[in-house]
Structures are given as C-alpha cells and as structure tokens.
Amino acid sequence: MPVAADNRGRNRDWSFRSTDPEGGFNPYGWSRGDQARFDGVWTDAGDDLVDDLIEDYGVMWPWMCPRRLLTREPTLAEEVYELARRRLIGQGHTYADRPDVVYEHAAMYGSFHAARARRSWPDARPQKCPLCATVFTAGQLNPWMVRQFGPARWCKQCCVEARNGSSGPVTADEAQQRLTTLSTHFAAAPPQDFAQRPVPLDLPDGQRDAIVGAMRTCPPAATVRGLLEAGSWVEVLRRTGLVPEAWRPARGTYCVAADGHPCRSLAERAIDDWLTRHDVEHRIEPAWPRHPEHNPHGRRRADWELPDGTYVEYAGLTSDEYVTKIRAKQQLAHEAGIRLIVITPPDLANLSELLEPWGR
C-alpha cells in the first residue's frame, strides 16, 4: 500500500527502529557515559515494561516509556530522575537545568539503547485509517497523538482534526447537534477540554472510531460556547440537555458510575465500574494528609480509597508537567505511608493487571 505524505508533502519519521541508533528523536548529545550511568540503575523490571510497550505500541514505544515508567515502576523512575536532577546525565542537553525534561529524554533514550542491546522489534508497516482510508505508518504520527489516542489507529490528519475540532462555518443548532452526538458516543457529557482528553483504550474499536470521528466534526468548546452565547460550559451542557437544570458541578461531575458515584470522565467511570463489578469496596475522594510542600492547605484529594487504605489516582496526563505532578503525589504517599496506585490511559485496557489483588 502506498503511504500518503503529510499535509506539507513530506514524511517525518518519529519511530524508533531497533536498527537505527538515532531512533526517531534528536538525542541532544546523549553519550556513552550517559548510557553507562543509565544502565547502572536500569533493572529487569524496566526491561519487562519495555517489552510490554513494544507489544502495544511497536516502533513508537519509547515515547510512552517515561510516563509508564513513572507510574508502573516509580522506584526505578526515581533513580533515573535522580540522575537527571544531579546532572549526571545529559550534560550537553539544552535543558540541563530542568530535571523533568532531562528525565523524559533519559527514560526514552536510555531505555531505547538498553532494549537495542538485547532485542529487536519490527519496523512500522503501512495501515489504513478507518475514518478516512488514508494509508499511513505509525512513525508519521506525532508523539502527542500516540499519547492521547493510543497505539496507531488513525492517520495524522484525523488526529489533528480530532484535537482541533471543526473549523468550518456552523450554526448554533449544528454545534448543539454535534456536541450531542459526541456525548452519545462518549456515553457521558463531554468536559470542556474534551479535545485534549485521552481516548480510553478499553472501549470497542467501533466506539473509539465513533468518538474520534465525532471529535473531528464538533467545533472547539470555545466556539460552541460563543454560538450558544453561554457564559460557562455548564450552561452549554444544560442548554443542550446533556445535564439537568438542577445539576451543580461541585466536583466537576459529568457522568455517574454504576454504583452512583459521580465521575469526572469516562475513564474514571470505567475504573469505578471495574471496582464495583469485582466487588471491591471503594470510597471516593479520600483526603490526603497535610504536607508543607505537596499539600500545605490539606485540600488535595485522591480519587479512590480501597479497603486496605490504598489510594488510587487516575492521571490523564494531558499536561507537560506530568512528571512534577505525579512525583508530588508519589512523594506525598511515601511520606504519609500510603500505598498509591496511579492509573494512566493505557492502563484502562487492562485494569485487572493493576487491581487484581483487590478483586474477587
């Protein structure tokens, strides 16, 4: 199948091929010394994680490694972060004074070269986008597309259109109808930042296609608000009948789980429903203990508390500051003596792996 060029007539390859020492990214002066220091803290658990990522994401797996490492192997991630913080790696890096950024690059390139030394993986093959029939390869997708939409399924143009929304002329009635269609496929009232939210991976392919397709045709949230002359997103949802007039978003609730718990997203509902389905008692929004740095006002709350006191957090990870945010929660949990499970969008496809100890 001939592969289509991108919208500028060229193909940028973001993939990490096992035969290419440069991978799909500028290594910013990553040296043999950097790799040696990285190898000094890398573990078999890191190799196992990489093998799972290769299985799911193919040649794009290094782009997912920093985030998955942080949540699935936090102790190992902390070792890599400490190397970044102490500037023992990435000495020639443009962002040497920003350990969060250096951590991300180190986790990508260090794990990439560690993996190349012990195994190979197939190059990306052409595939057809189910929305527009464009033939593309996974390497054409920008990293943010893989992080938001998951393993390569839709072409680059469709991902961009889903993120940006429809830019063509649209009436207020059409905007309302398209938002309602998106809500139907979401099976929940869309939050205001629906265009930036990760698409859950545990849904059937047909439903995921319908969600991304509806995102492509729905105008951006700001446009919808303007067309409906609504002062807030809550008012938009009320005018379109997606939430009742009496609804008050004290917790930012947009959907309700099977047990009646309010949830702020479809992903949160999926986790809450898994807990209910497997007879796991769970309390929503337990308070974190006060902490002078990470919770000075005592207002921070987790998403769930399990019967043995374990806290569970869902992290959509749409912000570039994900390293700081997740590390703050992990450090807070460590100092409070609380076991913490952080669930990310890719984990939704296999919640049993994470939560099985608490299930029936």
Protein backbone atom coordinates (compact mmCIF):
# COMPACT_ATOMS: atom_id res chain seq x y z
CA MET A 1 0.00 0.00 0.00
CA PRO A 2 1.44 3.44 -0.91
CA VAL A 3 1.86 5.66 2.15
CA ALA A 4 0.42 9.16 1.95
CA ALA A 5 2.65 12.15 2.63
CA ASP A 6 1.72 14.54 5.39
CA ASN A 7 -0.02 17.86 4.76
CA ARG A 8 3.27 19.52 3.82
CA GLY A 9 4.13 16.88 1.27
CA ARG A 10 6.79 15.09 3.31
CA ASN A 11 7.02 12.34 5.87
CA ARG A 12 8.66 12.93 9.22
CA ASP A 13 9.50 9.62 10.85
CA TRP A 14 9.07 9.72 14.63
CA SER A 15 9.57 5.99 15.07
CA PHE A 16 12.38 4.26 16.97
CA ARG A 17 13.70 1.44 14.82
CA SER A 18 15.86 -1.13 16.56
CA THR A 19 18.39 -0.94 13.69
CA ASP A 20 18.75 2.86 13.91
CA PRO A 21 20.92 4.18 16.78
CA GLU A 22 19.42 7.66 16.37
CA GLY A 23 15.84 6.48 16.77
CA GLY A 24 13.15 8.98 15.88
CA PHE A 25 14.36 11.85 18.01
CA ASN A 26 17.34 14.18 18.38
CA PRO A 27 19.39 12.64 21.21
CA TYR A 28 20.71 16.06 22.31
CA GLY A 29 24.23 14.82 22.83
CA TRP A 30 23.33 11.57 24.60
CA SER A 31 26.72 9.99 25.19
CA ARG A 32 28.16 6.60 26.02
CA GLY A 33 28.83 7.90 29.50
CA ASP A 34 25.17 8.86 29.88
CA GLN A 35 24.15 5.38 28.77
CA ALA A 36 26.58 3.75 31.19
CA ARG A 37 25.12 5.71 34.10
CA PHE A 38 21.61 4.87 32.96
CA ASP A 39 22.48 1.17 32.65
CA GLY A 40 23.79 1.32 36.20
CA VAL A 41 20.29 1.92 37.59
CA TRP A 42 18.22 0.09 34.96
CA THR A 43 16.60 -3.16 36.09
CA ASP A 44 14.93 -6.30 34.76
CA ALA A 45 11.59 -4.74 35.72
CA GLY A 46 12.41 -1.93 33.30
CA ASP A 47 13.08 -4.48 30.57
CA ASP A 48 9.74 -6.16 31.26
CA LEU A 49 7.97 -2.81 30.99
CA VAL A 50 9.69 -2.06 27.69
CA ASP A 51 8.69 -5.46 26.30
CA ASP A 52 5.06 -4.70 27.14
CA LEU A 53 5.31 -1.28 25.48
CA ILE A 54 6.81 -2.78 22.34
CA GLU A 55 3.92 -5.25 22.21
CA ASP A 56 1.35 -2.44 22.45
CA TYR A 57 2.99 0.50 20.64
CA GLY A 58 5.53 -1.04 18.28
CA VAL A 59 8.13 1.42 16.98
CA MET A 60 6.59 4.30 18.95
CA TRP A 61 7.13 2.67 22.35
CA PRO A 62 9.94 5.00 23.62
CA TRP A 63 7.55 7.96 23.50
CA MET A 64 5.40 6.19 26.10
CA CYS A 65 8.23 4.95 28.31
CA PRO A 66 8.82 7.99 30.57
CA ARG A 67 5.19 8.17 31.68
CA ARG A 68 4.64 4.45 32.06
CA LEU A 69 7.93 4.08 33.92
CA LEU A 70 6.87 6.80 36.32
CA THR A 71 3.60 5.10 37.22
CA ARG A 72 4.42 1.39 36.85
CA GLU A 73 7.97 1.37 38.24
CA PRO A 74 8.17 4.50 40.42
CA THR A 75 11.28 3.38 42.31
CA LEU A 76 13.20 2.88 39.07
CA ALA A 77 11.84 6.14 37.68
CA GLU A 78 13.08 7.91 40.80
CA GLU A 79 16.58 6.52 40.19
CA VAL A 80 16.55 7.90 36.65
CA TYR A 81 15.13 11.21 37.85
CA GLU A 82 17.85 11.47 40.48
CA LEU A 83 20.49 11.09 37.77
CA ALA A 84 18.78 13.90 35.87
CA ARG A 85 18.48 16.09 38.95
CA ARG A 86 22.15 15.67 39.81
CA ARG A 87 23.08 16.35 36.18
CA LEU A 88 24.87 13.04 35.88
CA ILE A 89 23.22 12.52 32.51
CA GLY A 90 22.50 14.86 29.63
CA GLN A 91 25.42 17.21 30.33
CA GLY A 92 25.18 18.55 26.80
CA HIS A 93 21.43 18.86 26.92
CA THR A 94 19.78 22.18 26.19
CA TYR A 95 17.57 21.71 29.25
CA ALA A 96 20.24 20.50 31.68
CA ASP A 97 18.78 22.73 34.42
CA ARG A 98 15.30 21.20 34.05
CA PRO A 99 15.40 17.69 35.51
CA ASP A 100 11.82 16.90 34.45
CA VAL A 101 12.74 17.36 30.80
CA VAL A 102 16.07 15.56 31.16
CA TYR A 103 14.28 12.69 32.91
CA GLU A 104 11.94 12.30 29.94
CA HIS A 105 14.74 12.22 27.40
CA ALA A 106 16.85 9.91 29.54
CA ALA A 107 13.98 7.48 30.06
CA MET A 108 13.40 7.45 26.30
CA TYR A 109 16.96 7.17 25.03
CA GLY A 110 18.37 5.13 27.87
CA SER A 111 15.64 2.50 27.60
CA PHE A 112 15.87 2.57 23.80
CA HIS A 113 19.58 1.72 23.75
CA ALA A 114 19.19 -0.79 26.59
CA ALA A 115 16.49 -2.53 24.55
CA ARG A 116 18.51 -2.45 21.31
CA ALA A 117 21.33 -4.24 23.09
CA ARG A 118 19.17 -7.26 23.92
CA ARG A 119 16.40 -7.50 21.29
CA SER A 120 14.87 -6.17 18.09
CA TRP A 121 11.33 -5.27 17.02
CA PRO A 122 9.64 -4.93 13.62
CA ASP A 123 9.53 -1.65 11.72
CA ALA A 124 6.17 0.04 11.25
CA ARG A 125 4.01 -1.28 8.44
CA PRO A 126 1.53 0.67 6.32
CA GLN A 127 -2.00 0.64 7.67
CA LYS A 128 -5.32 2.18 6.62
CA CYS A 129 -7.09 4.82 8.72
CA PRO A 130 -10.64 3.57 9.46
CA LEU A 131 -12.00 7.13 9.31
CA CYS A 132 -10.64 8.42 6.00
CA ALA A 133 -8.95 5.37 4.40
CA THR A 134 -5.58 7.16 4.22
CA VAL A 135 -2.64 4.75 4.25
CA PHE A 136 -0.01 5.74 6.79
CA THR A 137 2.59 4.32 9.17
CA ALA A 138 2.83 4.75 12.93
CA GLY A 139 6.06 6.75 12.53
CA GLN A 140 4.15 9.56 10.82
CA LEU A 141 2.19 10.27 14.00
CA ASN A 142 3.46 12.98 16.31
CA PRO A 143 4.25 11.74 19.84
CA TRP A 144 1.32 13.64 21.36
CA MET A 145 -1.02 11.73 19.08
CA VAL A 146 0.17 8.39 20.43
CA ARG A 147 -0.07 9.66 23.99
CA GLN A 148 -3.61 10.96 23.54
CA PHE A 149 -5.10 8.43 21.13
CA GLY A 150 -3.09 5.30 21.95
CA PRO A 151 -1.41 2.85 19.55
CA ALA A 152 -1.52 3.93 15.91
CA ARG A 153 -5.03 3.58 14.51
CA TRP A 154 -5.96 6.92 12.89
CA CYS A 155 -3.84 8.91 10.45
CA LYS A 156 -2.06 12.11 11.36
CA GLN A 157 -4.63 14.37 9.69
CA CYS A 158 -7.54 12.74 11.50
CA CYS A 159 -5.72 13.08 14.83
CA VAL A 160 -5.09 16.77 14.18
CA GLU A 161 -8.72 17.33 13.21
CA ALA A 162 -9.91 15.49 16.32
CA ARG A 163 -7.68 17.65 18.51
CA ASN A 164 -8.61 20.95 16.81
CA GLY A 165 -12.27 20.29 16.04
CA SER A 166 -14.19 21.53 13.03
CA SER A 167 -13.12 24.97 11.79
CA GLY A 168 -15.78 25.36 9.12
CA PRO A 169 -18.89 27.54 9.37
CA VAL A 170 -21.52 26.07 11.66
CA THR A 171 -24.78 27.28 13.13
CA ALA A 172 -25.75 27.15 16.80
CA ASP A 173 -28.17 24.30 16.09
CA GLU A 174 -25.48 22.34 14.23
CA ALA A 175 -22.99 22.89 17.05
CA GLN A 176 -25.52 21.67 19.59
CA GLN A 177 -26.32 18.61 17.47
CA ARG A 178 -22.65 17.70 17.01
CA LEU A 179 -21.94 18.07 20.73
CA THR A 180 -24.92 15.82 21.46
CA THR A 181 -23.57 13.23 19.01
CA LEU A 182 -20.17 13.35 20.73
CA SER A 183 -21.88 12.89 24.08
CA THR A 184 -23.74 9.85 22.76
CA HIS A 185 -20.51 8.17 21.66
CA PHE A 186 -18.76 9.16 24.88
CA ALA A 187 -21.70 7.79 26.86
CA ALA A 188 -21.15 10.84 29.06
CA ALA A 189 -21.46 14.62 28.89
CA PRO A 190 -18.18 15.86 27.34
CA PRO A 191 -16.00 18.01 29.61
CA GLN A 192 -14.89 21.39 28.34
CA ASP A 193 -11.42 20.06 27.50
CA PHE A 194 -12.77 17.02 25.63
CA ALA A 195 -10.44 17.70 22.68
CA GLN A 196 -7.37 17.21 24.90
CA ARG A 197 -8.63 14.20 26.85
CA PRO A 198 -7.11 10.77 26.14
CA VAL A 199 -9.45 8.39 24.36
CA PRO A 200 -9.98 5.31 26.60
CA LEU A 201 -8.31 2.20 25.24
CA ASP A 202 -10.67 -0.33 26.78
CA LEU A 203 -13.61 0.55 24.52
CA PRO A 204 -14.52 -1.44 21.38
CA ASP A 205 -12.74 -0.21 18.25
CA GLY A 206 -16.05 0.85 16.71
CA GLN A 207 -16.88 3.10 19.65
CA ARG A 208 -13.40 4.60 19.66
CA ASP A 209 -13.71 5.30 15.94
CA ALA A 210 -17.06 6.97 16.56
CA ILE A 211 -15.61 9.14 19.36
CA VAL A 212 -12.65 10.34 17.29
CA GLY A 213 -14.89 10.86 14.27
CA ALA A 214 -17.30 12.99 16.34
CA MET A 215 -14.37 14.98 17.75
CA ARG A 216 -13.34 15.82 14.17
CA THR A 217 -16.71 17.33 13.34
CA CYS A 218 -17.50 19.01 16.66
CA PRO A 219 -16.45 22.68 16.91
CA PRO A 220 -13.99 23.61 19.66
CA ALA A 221 -15.50 24.19 23.09
CA ALA A 222 -14.92 27.96 22.89
CA THR A 223 -16.75 28.09 19.56
CA VAL A 224 -19.71 26.15 20.96
CA ARG A 225 -19.92 28.49 23.94
CA GLY A 226 -19.86 31.51 21.65
CA LEU A 227 -22.51 30.15 19.28
CA LEU A 228 -24.83 29.28 22.17
CA GLU A 229 -23.99 32.56 23.95
CA ALA A 230 -23.30 30.56 27.10
CA GLY A 231 -21.34 32.04 29.97
CA SER A 232 -19.91 28.70 31.06
CA TRP A 233 -19.55 25.11 29.91
CA VAL A 234 -22.12 24.06 32.49
CA GLU A 235 -24.60 26.36 30.75
CA VAL A 236 -23.72 24.75 27.41
CA LEU A 237 -24.45 21.30 28.81
CA ARG A 238 -27.75 22.48 30.29
CA ARG A 239 -28.90 24.14 27.07
CA THR A 240 -28.16 21.01 25.09
CA GLY A 241 -29.96 18.86 27.65
CA LEU A 242 -26.83 16.84 28.49
CA VAL A 243 -27.16 17.61 32.20
CA PRO A 244 -30.28 18.56 34.17
CA GLU A 245 -31.01 22.17 35.05
CA ALA A 246 -30.66 21.41 38.76
CA TRP A 247 -27.21 19.87 38.37
CA ARG A 248 -24.44 21.58 40.34
CA PRO A 249 -20.84 20.67 39.38
CA ALA A 250 -19.38 20.66 42.90
CA ARG A 251 -16.89 18.02 41.80
CA GLY A 252 -16.84 18.65 38.08
CA THR A 253 -19.13 15.66 37.59
CA TYR A 254 -20.02 14.74 34.02
CA CYS A 255 -21.13 11.12 34.35
CA VAL A 256 -22.21 8.63 37.00
CA ALA A 257 -20.79 5.18 37.69
CA ALA A 258 -22.90 2.05 38.08
CA ASP A 259 -22.87 2.40 41.87
CA GLY A 260 -23.97 6.05 41.73
CA HIS A 261 -20.54 7.58 42.30
CA PRO A 262 -20.02 10.83 40.38
CA CYS A 263 -17.12 10.72 37.92
CA ARG A 264 -15.33 13.49 36.08
CA SER A 265 -14.63 11.46 32.96
CA LEU A 266 -15.45 8.29 31.08
CA ALA A 267 -12.09 6.90 32.21
CA GLU A 268 -12.90 7.47 35.88
CA ARG A 269 -16.25 5.79 35.37
CA ALA A 270 -14.52 2.76 33.81
CA ILE A 271 -12.29 2.39 36.88
CA ASP A 272 -15.14 2.86 39.34
CA ASP A 273 -17.27 0.33 37.44
CA TRP A 274 -14.39 -2.19 37.46
CA LEU A 275 -14.17 -1.89 41.24
CA THR A 276 -17.93 -2.38 41.58
CA ARG A 277 -18.02 -5.27 39.13
CA HIS A 278 -15.30 -7.09 41.09
CA ASP A 279 -16.88 -6.43 44.49
CA VAL A 280 -14.11 -4.10 45.65
CA GLU A 281 -15.29 -1.66 48.28
CA HIS A 282 -14.11 1.84 47.42
CA ARG A 283 -14.55 5.29 48.85
CA ILE A 284 -14.33 8.32 46.56
CA GLU A 285 -12.22 11.42 47.18
CA PRO A 286 -10.29 10.46 50.34
CA ALA A 287 -8.30 13.38 51.71
CA TRP A 288 -4.53 13.39 51.54
CA PRO A 289 -2.72 14.26 54.80
CA ARG A 290 -1.33 17.76 55.07
CA HIS A 291 2.21 18.26 53.82
CA PRO A 292 4.19 21.54 53.91
CA GLU A 293 5.19 21.23 50.24
CA HIS A 294 2.81 18.87 48.45
CA ASN A 295 -0.43 19.55 50.36
CA PRO A 296 0.05 22.67 52.50
CA HIS A 297 -3.66 23.52 52.80
CA GLY A 298 -4.86 19.94 53.19
CA ARG A 299 -7.26 20.26 50.27
CA ARG A 300 -5.74 17.67 47.95
CA ARG A 301 -7.81 14.53 47.49
CA ALA A 302 -7.21 11.20 45.78
CA ASP A 303 -9.79 9.61 43.50
CA TRP A 304 -10.47 6.41 45.47
CA GLU A 305 -9.52 4.60 48.66
CA LEU A 306 -9.57 0.79 48.74
CA PRO A 307 -10.39 -1.36 51.82
CA ASP A 308 -6.75 -1.75 52.92
CA GLY A 309 -6.10 2.00 52.77
CA THR A 310 -4.54 2.00 49.30
CA TYR A 311 -5.18 5.20 47.34
CA VAL A 312 -5.92 5.13 43.61
CA GLU A 313 -5.39 8.09 41.28
CA TYR A 314 -6.33 8.39 37.63
CA ALA A 315 -3.86 10.58 35.74
CA GLY A 316 -4.96 11.67 32.27
CA LEU A 317 -1.50 13.18 31.77
CA THR A 318 -2.51 15.90 29.32
CA SER A 319 -0.13 18.43 30.86
CA ASP A 320 3.57 18.75 30.07
CA GLU A 321 4.15 18.95 33.84
CA TYR A 322 3.12 15.34 34.38
CA VAL A 323 6.47 14.38 35.93
CA THR A 324 6.17 17.03 38.64
CA LYS A 325 2.52 16.28 39.35
CA ILE A 326 2.86 12.50 39.60
CA ARG A 327 6.09 12.67 41.61
CA ALA A 328 4.42 15.04 44.07
CA LYS A 329 1.61 12.53 44.64
CA GLN A 330 4.04 9.66 44.94
CA GLN A 331 6.23 11.53 47.42
CA LEU A 332 3.18 12.56 49.41
CA ALA A 333 2.06 8.93 49.55
CA HIS A 334 5.53 7.75 50.56
CA GLU A 335 5.87 10.25 53.40
CA ALA A 336 2.33 9.52 54.61
CA GLY A 337 2.90 5.77 54.50
CA ILE A 338 0.07 5.29 51.97
CA ARG A 339 0.27 2.81 49.14
CA LEU A 340 -0.59 4.57 45.87
CA ILE A 341 -1.65 3.19 42.50
CA VAL A 342 -1.54 5.65 39.62
CA ILE A 343 -3.61 4.64 36.59
CA THR A 344 -2.92 6.17 33.20
CA PRO A 345 -4.93 5.95 29.94
CA PRO A 346 -3.03 2.91 28.57
CA ASP A 347 -3.77 1.04 31.82
CA LEU A 348 -7.51 1.22 31.14
CA ALA A 349 -7.16 -1.61 28.65
CA ASN A 350 -6.04 -3.98 31.39
CA LEU A 351 -7.22 -2.81 34.79
CA SER A 352 -7.18 -6.37 36.09
CA GLU A 353 -3.38 -6.37 35.96
CA LEU A 354 -3.24 -3.44 38.38
CA LEU A 355 -6.24 -4.07 40.58
CA GLU A 356 -6.42 -7.85 40.62
CA PRO A 357 -5.17 -8.17 44.25
CA TRP A 358 -8.32 -6.38 45.40
CA GLY A 359 -10.77 -8.15 43.10
CA ARG A 360 -12.86 -11.18 43.89
